[in-house]
């Protein structure tokens, strides 16, 4: 199945804040409020998805399950002026399957999603099989957001 990427810009969640200024070390009240909204939204979205598909979260190269709070965290979602951002990917699927690389996941996975953070800390990316049940669920669930199609990372 062909893989498709869905980009979710944080400006969809914090409509009254310029999300290009998000920095996880910023203590400005407006920044903290926006980040809290994004953390809450991410946690609820992932919880709903996980319940709907009975999936677990894994790192790409580890069979140990990860809690939703690790994905819905400042360290994963937001850039830091002092620490930049660590680009990471998580796989959401029923059972752990080992993948050597992102390309290996793209070529060998037909269900579940790969979730990655944005190097600028302005959004997240969901990669999945085009027109899959997961894709249909996400598009339906997020119909009030402006979703953008993004290419699969080949790094």
C-alpha atoms as a PDB file:
ATOM      1  CA  UNK A   1       0.000   0.000   0.000  1.00  0.00           C
ATOM      2  CA  UNK A   2       1.161   3.490  -0.769  1.00  0.00           C
ATOM      3  CA  UNK A   3       2.148   5.525   2.302  1.00  0.00           C
ATOM      4  CA  UNK A   4       0.829   9.017   2.850  1.00  0.00           C
ATOM      5  CA  UNK A   5       1.950  11.637   5.324  1.00  0.00           C
ATOM      6  CA  UNK A   6      -0.435  13.905   7.186  1.00  0.00           C
ATOM      7  CA  UNK A   7       1.042  17.042   8.704  1.00  0.00           C
ATOM      8  CA  UNK A   8      -0.695  18.593  11.689  1.00  0.00           C
ATOM      9  CA  UNK A   9       0.471  22.147  12.335  1.00  0.00           C
ATOM     10  CA  UNK A  10       0.130  23.302  15.930  1.00  0.00           C
ATOM     11  CA  UNK A  11      -1.592  26.474  14.696  1.00  0.00           C
ATOM     12  CA  UNK A  12      -4.664  24.252  14.192  1.00  0.00           C
ATOM     13  CA  UNK A  13      -4.757  23.696  17.952  1.00  0.00           C
ATOM     14  CA  UNK A  14      -3.631  27.124  19.226  1.00  0.00           C
ATOM     15  CA  UNK A  15      -5.593  29.357  16.891  1.00  0.00           C
ATOM     16  CA  UNK A  16      -4.832  32.555  18.822  1.00  0.00           C
ATOM     17  CA  UNK A  17      -1.044  32.112  19.135  1.00  0.00           C
ATOM     18  CA  UNK A  18       1.814  32.282  16.603  1.00  0.00           C
ATOM     19  CA  UNK A  19       3.101  28.740  16.991  1.00  0.00           C
ATOM     20  CA  UNK A  20       6.374  29.494  15.202  1.00  0.00           C
ATOM     21  CA  UNK A  21       7.475  31.002  18.549  1.00  0.00           C
ATOM     22  CA  UNK A  22       6.931  27.855  20.600  1.00  0.00           C
ATOM     23  CA  UNK A  23       9.977  26.983  22.691  1.00  0.00           C
ATOM     24  CA  UNK A  24       9.694  24.403  25.452  1.00  0.00           C
ATOM     25  CA  UNK A  25      11.952  26.490  27.721  1.00  0.00           C
ATOM     26  CA  UNK A  26       9.869  29.653  27.326  1.00  0.00           C
ATOM     27  CA  UNK A  27       7.951  30.559  30.483  1.00  0.00           C
ATOM     28  CA  UNK A  28       5.804  33.239  28.866  1.00  0.00           C
ATOM     29  CA  UNK A  29       2.175  32.627  29.970  1.00  0.00           C
ATOM     30  CA  UNK A  30       0.810  32.618  26.394  1.00  0.00           C
ATOM     31  CA  UNK A  31       3.457  30.128  25.273  1.00  0.00           C
ATOM     32  CA  UNK A  32       2.839  27.873  28.273  1.00  0.00           C
ATOM     33  CA  UNK A  33      -0.915  27.997  27.634  1.00  0.00           C
ATOM     34  CA  UNK A  34      -0.501  27.032  23.970  1.00  0.00           C
ATOM     35  CA  UNK A  35       1.901  24.198  24.772  1.00  0.00           C
ATOM     36  CA  UNK A  36      -0.512  22.860  27.400  1.00  0.00           C
ATOM     37  CA  UNK A  37      -3.327  22.901  24.809  1.00  0.00           C
ATOM     38  CA  UNK A  38      -1.140  20.939  22.369  1.00  0.00           C
ATOM     39  CA  UNK A  39      -0.062  18.440  25.030  1.00  0.00           C
ATOM     40  CA  UNK A  40      -3.683  17.867  26.076  1.00  0.00           C
ATOM     41  CA  UNK A  41      -4.841  17.580  22.459  1.00  0.00           C
ATOM     42  CA  UNK A  42      -2.021  15.127  21.617  1.00  0.00           C
ATOM     43  CA  UNK A  43      -2.770  12.968  24.629  1.00  0.00           C
ATOM     44  CA  UNK A  44      -6.506  12.826  23.853  1.00  0.00           C
ATOM     45  CA  UNK A  45      -5.951  12.167  20.134  1.00  0.00           C
ATOM     46  CA  UNK A  46      -3.472   9.353  20.772  1.00  0.00           C
ATOM     47  CA  UNK A  47      -5.654   7.846  23.517  1.00  0.00           C
ATOM     48  CA  UNK A  48      -8.662   7.771  21.184  1.00  0.00           C
ATOM     49  CA  UNK A  49      -6.600   6.278  18.361  1.00  0.00           C
ATOM     50  CA  UNK A  50      -5.053   3.619  20.590  1.00  0.00           C
ATOM     51  CA  UNK A  51      -8.455   2.592  21.975  1.00  0.00           C
ATOM     52  CA  UNK A  52     -10.051   2.511  18.525  1.00  0.00           C
ATOM     53  CA  UNK A  53      -7.385   0.255  17.021  1.00  0.00           C
ATOM     54  CA  UNK A  54      -6.065  -1.542  20.118  1.00  0.00           C
ATOM     55  CA  UNK A  55      -2.553  -0.434  19.241  1.00  0.00           C
ATOM     56  CA  UNK A  56       0.547   0.028  21.353  1.00  0.00           C
ATOM     57  CA  UNK A  57       3.343   2.569  20.915  1.00  0.00           C
ATOM     58  CA  UNK A  58       6.928   1.524  20.204  1.00  0.00           C
ATOM     59  CA  UNK A  59      10.166   3.223  19.283  1.00  0.00           C
ATOM     60  CA  UNK A  60      11.211   2.242  15.764  1.00  0.00           C
ATOM     61  CA  UNK A  61      14.064   0.053  17.098  1.00  0.00           C
ATOM     62  CA  UNK A  62      12.741  -1.228  20.449  1.00  0.00           C
ATOM     63  CA  UNK A  63      10.191  -3.833  21.446  1.00  0.00           C
ATOM     64  CA  UNK A  64       9.500  -2.051  24.736  1.00  0.00           C
ATOM     65  CA  UNK A  65       6.146  -0.297  24.713  1.00  0.00           C
ATOM     66  CA  UNK A  66       6.053   3.446  25.285  1.00  0.00           C
ATOM     67  CA  UNK A  67       3.423   5.370  27.245  1.00  0.00           C
ATOM     68  CA  UNK A  68       1.343   8.044  25.537  1.00  0.00           C
ATOM     69  CA  UNK A  69       2.885  10.622  27.882  1.00  0.00           C
ATOM     70  CA  UNK A  70       6.270  10.056  26.239  1.00  0.00           C
ATOM     71  CA  UNK A  71       4.859  11.039  22.850  1.00  0.00           C
ATOM     72  CA  UNK A  72       2.601  13.804  24.220  1.00  0.00           C
ATOM     73  CA  UNK A  73       5.577  15.505  25.891  1.00  0.00           C
ATOM     74  CA  UNK A  74       7.387  18.814  25.551  1.00  0.00           C
ATOM     75  CA  UNK A  75      10.637  17.014  24.765  1.00  0.00           C
ATOM     76  CA  UNK A  76       9.112  15.275  21.718  1.00  0.00           C
ATOM     77  CA  UNK A  77       6.738  17.955  20.470  1.00  0.00           C
ATOM     78  CA  UNK A  78       8.541  21.278  20.956  1.00  0.00           C
ATOM     79  CA  UNK A  79      11.794  22.879  19.933  1.00  0.00           C
ATOM     80  CA  UNK A  80      14.161  24.266  22.546  1.00  0.00           C
ATOM     81  CA  UNK A  81      16.446  27.193  21.752  1.00  0.00           C
ATOM     82  CA  UNK A  82      19.049  25.709  24.060  1.00  0.00           C
ATOM     83  CA  UNK A  83      18.663  22.039  23.194  1.00  0.00           C
ATOM     84  CA  UNK A  84      17.199  22.213  19.675  1.00  0.00           C
ATOM     85  CA  UNK A  85      15.029  19.148  19.063  1.00  0.00           C
ATOM     86  CA  UNK A  86      15.744  15.455  18.908  1.00  0.00           C
ATOM     87  CA  UNK A  87      14.053  14.071  15.820  1.00  0.00           C
ATOM     88  CA  UNK A  88      12.245  10.914  16.792  1.00  0.00           C
ATOM     89  CA  UNK A  89       9.741   8.493  15.381  1.00  0.00           C
ATOM     90  CA  UNK A  90       7.291   6.223  17.118  1.00  0.00           C
ATOM     91  CA  UNK A  91       5.347   3.338  15.610  1.00  0.00           C
ATOM     92  CA  UNK A  92       1.760   2.671  16.646  1.00  0.00           C
ATOM     93  CA  UNK A  93       0.688  -0.900  15.869  1.00  0.00           C
ATOM     94  CA  UNK A  94      -0.756  -4.015  17.490  1.00  0.00           C
ATOM     95  CA  UNK A  95       2.487  -6.009  17.842  1.00  0.00           C
ATOM     96  CA  UNK A  96       6.127  -5.000  17.708  1.00  0.00           C
ATOM     97  CA  UNK A  97       7.909  -5.514  14.404  1.00  0.00           C
ATOM     98  CA  UNK A  98      11.550  -4.531  14.078  1.00  0.00           C
ATOM     99  CA  UNK A  99      12.432  -2.068  11.320  1.00  0.00           C
ATOM    100  CA  UNK A 100      16.002  -1.191  10.359  1.00  0.00           C
ATOM    101  CA  UNK A 101      15.061   2.284   9.176  1.00  0.00           C
ATOM    102  CA  UNK A 102      12.200   4.580   8.252  1.00  0.00           C
ATOM    103  CA  UNK A 103      12.434   3.289   4.684  1.00  0.00           C
ATOM    104  CA  UNK A 104      12.125  -0.286   5.972  1.00  0.00           C
ATOM    105  CA  UNK A 105       8.942   0.713   7.827  1.00  0.00           C
ATOM    106  CA  UNK A 106       7.609   2.419   4.696  1.00  0.00           C
ATOM    107  CA  UNK A 107       8.225  -0.664   2.536  1.00  0.00           C
ATOM    108  CA  UNK A 108       7.121  -3.372   4.981  1.00  0.00           C
ATOM    109  CA  UNK A 109       4.283  -1.984   7.098  1.00  0.00           C
ATOM    110  CA  UNK A 110       0.646  -2.077   5.997  1.00  0.00           C
ATOM    111  CA  UNK A 111      -1.172  -1.067   9.158  1.00  0.00           C
ATOM    112  CA  UNK A 112      -0.519   1.255  12.041  1.00  0.00           C
ATOM    113  CA  UNK A 113       1.092   4.648  11.864  1.00  0.00           C
ATOM    114  CA  UNK A 114       4.498   6.214  12.198  1.00  0.00           C
ATOM    115  CA  UNK A 115       4.451   9.478  14.135  1.00  0.00           C
ATOM    116  CA  UNK A 116       7.362  11.922  13.830  1.00  0.00           C
ATOM    117  CA  UNK A 117       8.081  15.361  15.179  1.00  0.00           C
ATOM    118  CA  UNK A 118       8.921  18.437  13.137  1.00  0.00           C
ATOM    119  CA  UNK A 119      12.512  19.699  13.286  1.00  0.00           C
ATOM    120  CA  UNK A 120      11.208  23.219  13.902  1.00  0.00           C
ATOM    121  CA  UNK A 121       8.743  22.146  16.602  1.00  0.00           C
ATOM    122  CA  UNK A 122       5.734  23.496  14.679  1.00  0.00           C
ATOM    123  CA  UNK A 123       3.781  20.276  14.233  1.00  0.00           C
ATOM    124  CA  UNK A 124       3.759  16.512  13.966  1.00  0.00           C
ATOM    125  CA  UNK A 125       3.562  14.110  11.054  1.00  0.00           C
ATOM    126  CA  UNK A 126       1.543  10.924  10.804  1.00  0.00           C
ATOM    127  CA  UNK A 127       2.540   8.420   8.116  1.00  0.00           C
ATOM    128  CA  UNK A 128       0.260   5.552   7.185  1.00  0.00           C
ATOM    129  CA  UNK A 129      -1.188   3.533   4.348  1.00  0.00           C
ATOM    130  CA  UNK A 130      -3.300   5.658   2.049  1.00  0.00           C
ATOM    131  CA  UNK A 131      -7.042   4.982   2.366  1.00  0.00           C
ATOM    132  CA  UNK A 132      -6.484   2.509   5.221  1.00  0.00           C
ATOM    133  CA  UNK A 133      -8.975   2.294   8.079  1.00  0.00           C
ATOM    134  CA  UNK A 134      -6.487   4.291  10.191  1.00  0.00           C
ATOM    135  CA  UNK A 135      -6.267   6.969   7.519  1.00  0.00           C
ATOM    136  CA  UNK A 136     -10.068   7.189   7.264  1.00  0.00           C
ATOM    137  CA  UNK A 137     -10.364   7.430  11.065  1.00  0.00           C
ATOM    138  CA  UNK A 138      -7.764  10.219  11.301  1.00  0.00           C
ATOM    139  CA  UNK A 139      -9.262  12.272   8.470  1.00  0.00           C
ATOM    140  CA  UNK A 140     -12.737  11.904   9.957  1.00  0.00           C
ATOM    141  CA  UNK A 141     -11.564  12.641  13.521  1.00  0.00           C
ATOM    142  CA  UNK A 142      -9.554  15.705  12.453  1.00  0.00           C
ATOM    143  CA  UNK A 143     -12.016  17.088   9.909  1.00  0.00           C
ATOM    144  CA  UNK A 144     -12.015  20.483  11.660  1.00  0.00           C
ATOM    145  CA  UNK A 145      -8.228  20.890  11.219  1.00  0.00           C
ATOM    146  CA  UNK A 146      -6.394  21.904   8.075  1.00  0.00           C
ATOM    147  CA  UNK A 147      -4.326  18.809   7.358  1.00  0.00           C
ATOM    148  CA  UNK A 148      -1.533  18.873   4.820  1.00  0.00           C
ATOM    149  CA  UNK A 149      -0.149  16.020   2.801  1.00  0.00           C
ATOM    150  CA  UNK A 150       3.585  15.629   3.388  1.00  0.00           C
ATOM    151  CA  UNK A 151       6.207  13.442   1.684  1.00  0.00           C
ATOM    152  CA  UNK A 152       7.707  10.505   3.532  1.00  0.00           C
ATOM    153  CA  UNK A 153      11.155  11.328   5.002  1.00  0.00           C
ATOM    154  CA  UNK A 154      13.920   9.498   3.150  1.00  0.00           C
ATOM    155  CA  UNK A 155      16.764  10.254   5.576  1.00  0.00           C
END
